[in-house]
Amino acid sequence: MEKAWFMLQAIGRHTWTSIGNLAIRDVTGNRVELLDSMKSIWLAETATCFYLVFSEWDKVDLDEFVLNTEAHPLRRTGYLWVGAVRKRGYIPVSDGEV
């Protein structure tokens, strides 16, 4: 989590404005060239990943959901049926099973 915090601080230090975050033309160079735009990927993926890193661990139940590559939670197949049956005591709960 410490590395994520340093990354977020660096992004803020180089790209923050009062209305959003600027894009960087090339992150591999020594000179930072800012673009007058904010890419949608910033909110759709990067900010979402930072939110998940810094949120409480129970924010998304990873037994019930899996995160896709854009950090969107998708309900695991069969979870509702298996979970409902378990709550009624029909299926014993064992570690690593869903």
N, C-alpha and C. Protein backbone atom coordinates (compact mmCIF):
# COMPACT_ATOMS: atom_id res chain seq x y z
N MET A 1 0.82 -1.19 0.00
CA MET A 1 0.00 0.00 0.00
C MET A 1 0.88 1.26 0.00
N GLU A 2 2.06 1.16 0.57
CA GLU A 2 2.96 2.31 0.60
C GLU A 2 3.38 2.71 -0.81
N LYS A 3 3.64 1.74 -1.68
CA LYS A 3 4.02 2.05 -3.06
C LYS A 3 2.87 2.73 -3.80
N ALA A 4 1.66 2.27 -3.56
CA ALA A 4 0.49 2.89 -4.19
C ALA A 4 0.35 4.34 -3.72
N TRP A 5 0.63 4.61 -2.45
CA TRP A 5 0.55 5.96 -1.92
C TRP A 5 1.59 6.86 -2.60
N PHE A 6 2.82 6.36 -2.78
CA PHE A 6 3.86 7.14 -3.46
C PHE A 6 3.47 7.41 -4.91
N MET A 7 2.88 6.41 -5.57
CA MET A 7 2.42 6.59 -6.96
C MET A 7 1.34 7.67 -7.03
N LEU A 8 0.36 7.62 -6.13
CA LEU A 8 -0.72 8.60 -6.13
C LEU A 8 -0.18 10.00 -5.87
N GLN A 9 0.76 10.12 -4.94
CA GLN A 9 1.36 11.43 -4.68
C GLN A 9 2.10 11.97 -5.90
N ALA A 10 2.85 11.11 -6.59
CA ALA A 10 3.59 11.54 -7.78
C ALA A 10 2.64 11.97 -8.89
N ILE A 11 1.58 11.24 -9.08
CA ILE A 11 0.58 11.62 -10.09
C ILE A 11 -0.01 12.98 -9.75
N GLY A 12 -0.37 13.15 -8.50
CA GLY A 12 -0.93 14.43 -8.06
C GLY A 12 0.05 15.57 -8.21
N ARG A 13 1.29 15.33 -7.85
CA ARG A 13 2.32 16.37 -7.91
C ARG A 13 2.55 16.85 -9.35
N HIS A 14 2.45 15.94 -10.31
CA HIS A 14 2.76 16.30 -11.70
C HIS A 14 1.54 16.65 -12.54
N THR A 15 0.35 16.20 -12.17
CA THR A 15 -0.79 16.35 -13.08
C THR A 15 -2.00 17.08 -12.50
N TRP A 16 -2.04 17.34 -11.21
CA TRP A 16 -3.24 17.90 -10.59
C TRP A 16 -3.50 19.32 -11.03
N THR A 17 -4.79 19.61 -11.32
CA THR A 17 -5.27 20.98 -11.52
C THR A 17 -6.54 21.12 -10.70
N SER A 18 -7.10 22.29 -10.64
CA SER A 18 -8.31 22.50 -9.85
C SER A 18 -9.54 21.83 -10.46
N ILE A 19 -9.46 21.41 -11.72
CA ILE A 19 -10.62 20.79 -12.37
C ILE A 19 -10.39 19.35 -12.82
N GLY A 20 -9.22 18.80 -12.58
CA GLY A 20 -8.96 17.42 -12.98
C GLY A 20 -7.47 17.14 -13.04
N ASN A 21 -7.09 16.07 -13.69
CA ASN A 21 -5.69 15.70 -13.85
C ASN A 21 -5.31 15.77 -15.32
N LEU A 22 -4.19 16.41 -15.60
CA LEU A 22 -3.69 16.51 -16.97
C LEU A 22 -3.07 15.18 -17.39
N ALA A 23 -3.05 14.96 -18.68
CA ALA A 23 -2.38 13.79 -19.24
C ALA A 23 -0.90 14.12 -19.43
N ILE A 24 -0.05 13.10 -19.38
CA ILE A 24 1.38 13.26 -19.64
C ILE A 24 1.67 12.62 -21.00
N ARG A 25 2.36 13.37 -21.87
CA ARG A 25 2.62 12.87 -23.22
C ARG A 25 3.46 11.60 -23.20
N ASP A 26 4.55 11.58 -22.45
CA ASP A 26 5.44 10.43 -22.45
C ASP A 26 6.02 10.25 -21.04
N VAL A 27 5.66 9.17 -20.38
CA VAL A 27 6.12 8.97 -19.00
C VAL A 27 7.52 8.36 -18.94
N THR A 28 8.09 8.01 -20.08
CA THR A 28 9.42 7.37 -20.08
C THR A 28 10.55 8.38 -20.18
N GLY A 29 10.25 9.61 -20.53
CA GLY A 29 11.31 10.61 -20.68
C GLY A 29 11.65 11.29 -19.37
N ASN A 30 12.71 12.10 -19.40
CA ASN A 30 13.15 12.85 -18.22
C ASN A 30 12.35 14.13 -18.03
N ARG A 31 11.81 14.65 -19.11
CA ARG A 31 11.05 15.90 -19.06
C ARG A 31 9.56 15.58 -19.14
N VAL A 32 8.79 16.15 -18.21
CA VAL A 32 7.35 15.92 -18.19
C VAL A 32 6.66 16.93 -19.09
N GLU A 33 6.02 16.45 -20.15
CA GLU A 33 5.25 17.31 -21.04
C GLU A 33 3.77 17.02 -20.82
N LEU A 34 3.06 18.01 -20.29
CA LEU A 34 1.65 17.84 -19.97
C LEU A 34 0.77 18.19 -21.16
N LEU A 35 -0.34 17.47 -21.27
CA LEU A 35 -1.32 17.73 -22.31
C LEU A 35 -2.56 18.34 -21.68
N ASP A 36 -3.22 19.22 -22.39
CA ASP A 36 -4.41 19.89 -21.86
C ASP A 36 -5.64 18.98 -22.05
N SER A 37 -5.59 17.83 -21.40
CA SER A 37 -6.72 16.90 -21.46
C SER A 37 -6.63 15.93 -20.29
N MET A 38 -7.72 15.27 -20.00
CA MET A 38 -7.71 14.22 -18.99
C MET A 38 -8.29 12.97 -19.65
N LYS A 39 -7.50 11.95 -19.77
CA LYS A 39 -7.93 10.71 -20.42
C LYS A 39 -9.00 10.02 -19.58
N SER A 40 -9.96 9.40 -20.23
CA SER A 40 -11.02 8.69 -19.51
C SER A 40 -10.48 7.51 -18.72
N ILE A 41 -9.34 6.96 -19.16
CA ILE A 41 -8.73 5.84 -18.45
C ILE A 41 -8.36 6.24 -17.02
N TRP A 42 -8.07 7.53 -16.80
CA TRP A 42 -7.71 7.99 -15.45
C TRP A 42 -8.83 7.67 -14.46
N LEU A 43 -10.05 8.03 -14.79
CA LEU A 43 -11.17 7.77 -13.88
C LEU A 43 -11.64 6.33 -13.97
N ALA A 44 -11.69 5.79 -15.17
CA ALA A 44 -12.24 4.45 -15.37
C ALA A 44 -11.39 3.36 -14.75
N GLU A 45 -10.09 3.52 -14.77
CA GLU A 45 -9.22 2.44 -14.29
C GLU A 45 -8.29 2.88 -13.16
N THR A 46 -7.51 3.92 -13.39
CA THR A 46 -6.48 4.29 -12.42
C THR A 46 -7.10 4.75 -11.10
N ALA A 47 -8.03 5.68 -11.14
CA ALA A 47 -8.64 6.17 -9.91
C ALA A 47 -9.43 5.06 -9.21
N THR A 48 -10.07 4.18 -9.98
CA THR A 48 -10.80 3.07 -9.39
C THR A 48 -9.85 2.14 -8.65
N CYS A 49 -8.72 1.85 -9.23
CA CYS A 49 -7.74 0.98 -8.56
C CYS A 49 -7.21 1.63 -7.29
N PHE A 50 -6.93 2.93 -7.32
CA PHE A 50 -6.50 3.61 -6.10
C PHE A 50 -7.60 3.57 -5.04
N TYR A 51 -8.84 3.76 -5.45
CA TYR A 51 -9.96 3.69 -4.51
C TYR A 51 -9.99 2.32 -3.82
N LEU A 52 -9.83 1.27 -4.59
CA LEU A 52 -9.86 -0.08 -4.01
C LEU A 52 -8.66 -0.33 -3.10
N VAL A 53 -7.50 0.18 -3.46
CA VAL A 53 -6.30 -0.01 -2.63
C VAL A 53 -6.48 0.66 -1.27
N PHE A 54 -7.05 1.86 -1.25
CA PHE A 54 -7.13 2.63 -0.02
C PHE A 54 -8.46 2.49 0.72
N SER A 55 -9.40 1.74 0.19
CA SER A 55 -10.69 1.57 0.87
C SER A 55 -10.58 0.45 1.90
N GLU A 56 -11.60 0.34 2.72
CA GLU A 56 -11.65 -0.74 3.71
C GLU A 56 -11.65 -2.08 2.98
N TRP A 57 -11.05 -3.10 3.59
CA TRP A 57 -10.91 -4.40 2.94
C TRP A 57 -12.24 -5.07 2.66
N ASP A 58 -13.28 -4.72 3.39
CA ASP A 58 -14.58 -5.37 3.17
C ASP A 58 -15.46 -4.59 2.19
N LYS A 59 -14.89 -3.62 1.49
CA LYS A 59 -15.66 -2.82 0.52
C LYS A 59 -16.23 -3.69 -0.59
N VAL A 60 -15.44 -4.63 -1.09
CA VAL A 60 -15.88 -5.57 -2.12
C VAL A 60 -15.60 -6.97 -1.60
N ASP A 61 -16.65 -7.78 -1.48
CA ASP A 61 -16.51 -9.16 -1.00
C ASP A 61 -15.91 -10.01 -2.13
N LEU A 62 -14.63 -10.35 -1.99
CA LEU A 62 -13.95 -11.08 -3.06
C LEU A 62 -14.34 -12.56 -3.09
N ASP A 63 -15.15 -13.03 -2.14
CA ASP A 63 -15.74 -14.35 -2.25
C ASP A 63 -16.95 -14.31 -3.18
N GLU A 64 -17.60 -13.15 -3.24
CA GLU A 64 -18.79 -12.99 -4.06
C GLU A 64 -18.48 -12.37 -5.43
N PHE A 65 -17.44 -11.53 -5.50
CA PHE A 65 -17.13 -10.81 -6.73
C PHE A 65 -15.70 -11.08 -7.18
N VAL A 66 -15.47 -10.94 -8.48
CA VAL A 66 -14.13 -10.94 -9.06
C VAL A 66 -14.00 -9.60 -9.77
N LEU A 67 -12.79 -9.03 -9.76
CA LEU A 67 -12.57 -7.74 -10.41
C LEU A 67 -11.99 -7.97 -11.80
N ASN A 68 -12.59 -7.30 -12.81
CA ASN A 68 -12.03 -7.44 -14.16
C ASN A 68 -10.81 -6.52 -14.30
N THR A 69 -10.23 -6.45 -15.47
CA THR A 69 -9.00 -5.69 -15.66
C THR A 69 -9.20 -4.19 -15.48
N GLU A 70 -10.43 -3.73 -15.49
CA GLU A 70 -10.73 -2.32 -15.25
C GLU A 70 -11.24 -2.09 -13.83
N ALA A 71 -11.07 -3.09 -12.96
CA ALA A 71 -11.45 -3.02 -11.54
C ALA A 71 -12.95 -2.93 -11.33
N HIS A 72 -13.73 -3.39 -12.30
CA HIS A 72 -15.18 -3.44 -12.11
C HIS A 72 -15.52 -4.76 -11.44
N PRO A 73 -16.31 -4.72 -10.35
CA PRO A 73 -16.68 -5.98 -9.69
C PRO A 73 -17.76 -6.73 -10.48
N LEU A 74 -17.51 -7.99 -10.74
CA LEU A 74 -18.48 -8.85 -11.43
C LEU A 74 -18.84 -10.00 -10.49
N ARG A 75 -20.14 -10.24 -10.33
CA ARG A 75 -20.57 -11.32 -9.45
C ARG A 75 -20.11 -12.67 -10.00
N ARG A 76 -19.56 -13.48 -9.12
CA ARG A 76 -19.07 -14.80 -9.54
C ARG A 76 -20.25 -15.70 -9.93
N THR A 77 -20.08 -16.47 -10.97
CA THR A 77 -21.12 -17.37 -11.45
C THR A 77 -21.49 -18.37 -10.37
N GLY A 78 -22.78 -18.54 -10.14
CA GLY A 78 -23.25 -19.53 -9.19
C GLY A 78 -23.20 -19.10 -7.74
N TYR A 79 -22.67 -17.92 -7.45
CA TYR A 79 -22.51 -17.51 -6.06
C TYR A 79 -23.85 -17.35 -5.36
N LEU A 80 -24.82 -16.73 -6.02
CA LEU A 80 -26.11 -16.49 -5.36
C LEU A 80 -26.77 -17.80 -4.97
N TRP A 81 -26.78 -18.77 -5.88
CA TRP A 81 -27.43 -20.03 -5.58
C TRP A 81 -26.70 -20.77 -4.46
N VAL A 82 -25.39 -20.90 -4.58
CA VAL A 82 -24.61 -21.61 -3.58
C VAL A 82 -24.69 -20.88 -2.24
N GLY A 83 -24.57 -19.55 -2.26
CA GLY A 83 -24.64 -18.77 -1.03
C GLY A 83 -25.98 -18.90 -0.34
N ALA A 84 -27.07 -18.88 -1.12
CA ALA A 84 -28.40 -19.00 -0.52
C ALA A 84 -28.60 -20.39 0.08
N VAL A 85 -28.12 -21.41 -0.59
CA VAL A 85 -28.26 -22.77 -0.07
C VAL A 85 -27.43 -22.95 1.19
N ARG A 86 -26.24 -22.38 1.21
CA ARG A 86 -25.40 -22.47 2.41
C ARG A 86 -26.06 -21.79 3.60
N LYS A 87 -26.67 -20.64 3.36
CA LYS A 87 -27.32 -19.92 4.45
C LYS A 87 -28.42 -20.76 5.08
N ARG A 88 -29.02 -21.64 4.30
CA ARG A 88 -30.08 -22.51 4.83
C ARG A 88 -29.49 -23.78 5.45
N GLY A 89 -28.17 -23.93 5.37
CA GLY A 89 -27.51 -25.05 6.02
C GLY A 89 -27.46 -26.33 5.21
N TYR A 90 -27.76 -26.27 3.91
CA TYR A 90 -27.77 -27.48 3.09
C TYR A 90 -26.39 -27.90 2.61
N ILE A 91 -25.47 -26.94 2.45
CA ILE A 91 -24.13 -27.25 1.96
C ILE A 91 -23.14 -26.82 3.04
N PRO A 92 -22.29 -27.72 3.50
CA PRO A 92 -21.29 -27.33 4.50
C PRO A 92 -20.26 -26.39 3.87
N VAL A 93 -19.80 -25.45 4.64
CA VAL A 93 -18.81 -24.50 4.17
C VAL A 93 -17.42 -25.05 4.47
N SER A 94 -16.56 -25.09 3.44
CA SER A 94 -15.18 -25.49 3.63
C SER A 94 -14.27 -24.45 3.01
N ASP A 95 -13.05 -24.34 3.48
CA ASP A 95 -12.10 -23.36 2.97
C ASP A 95 -11.83 -23.56 1.50
N GLY A 96 -11.80 -22.46 0.75
CA GLY A 96 -11.45 -22.50 -0.66
C GLY A 96 -12.55 -22.99 -1.58
N GLU A 97 -13.74 -23.15 -1.07
CA GLU A 97 -14.84 -23.68 -1.90
C GLU A 97 -15.85 -22.61 -2.22
N VAL A 98 -16.30 -22.55 -3.43
CA VAL A 98 -17.44 -21.72 -3.85
C VAL A 98 -18.04 -22.39 -5.05
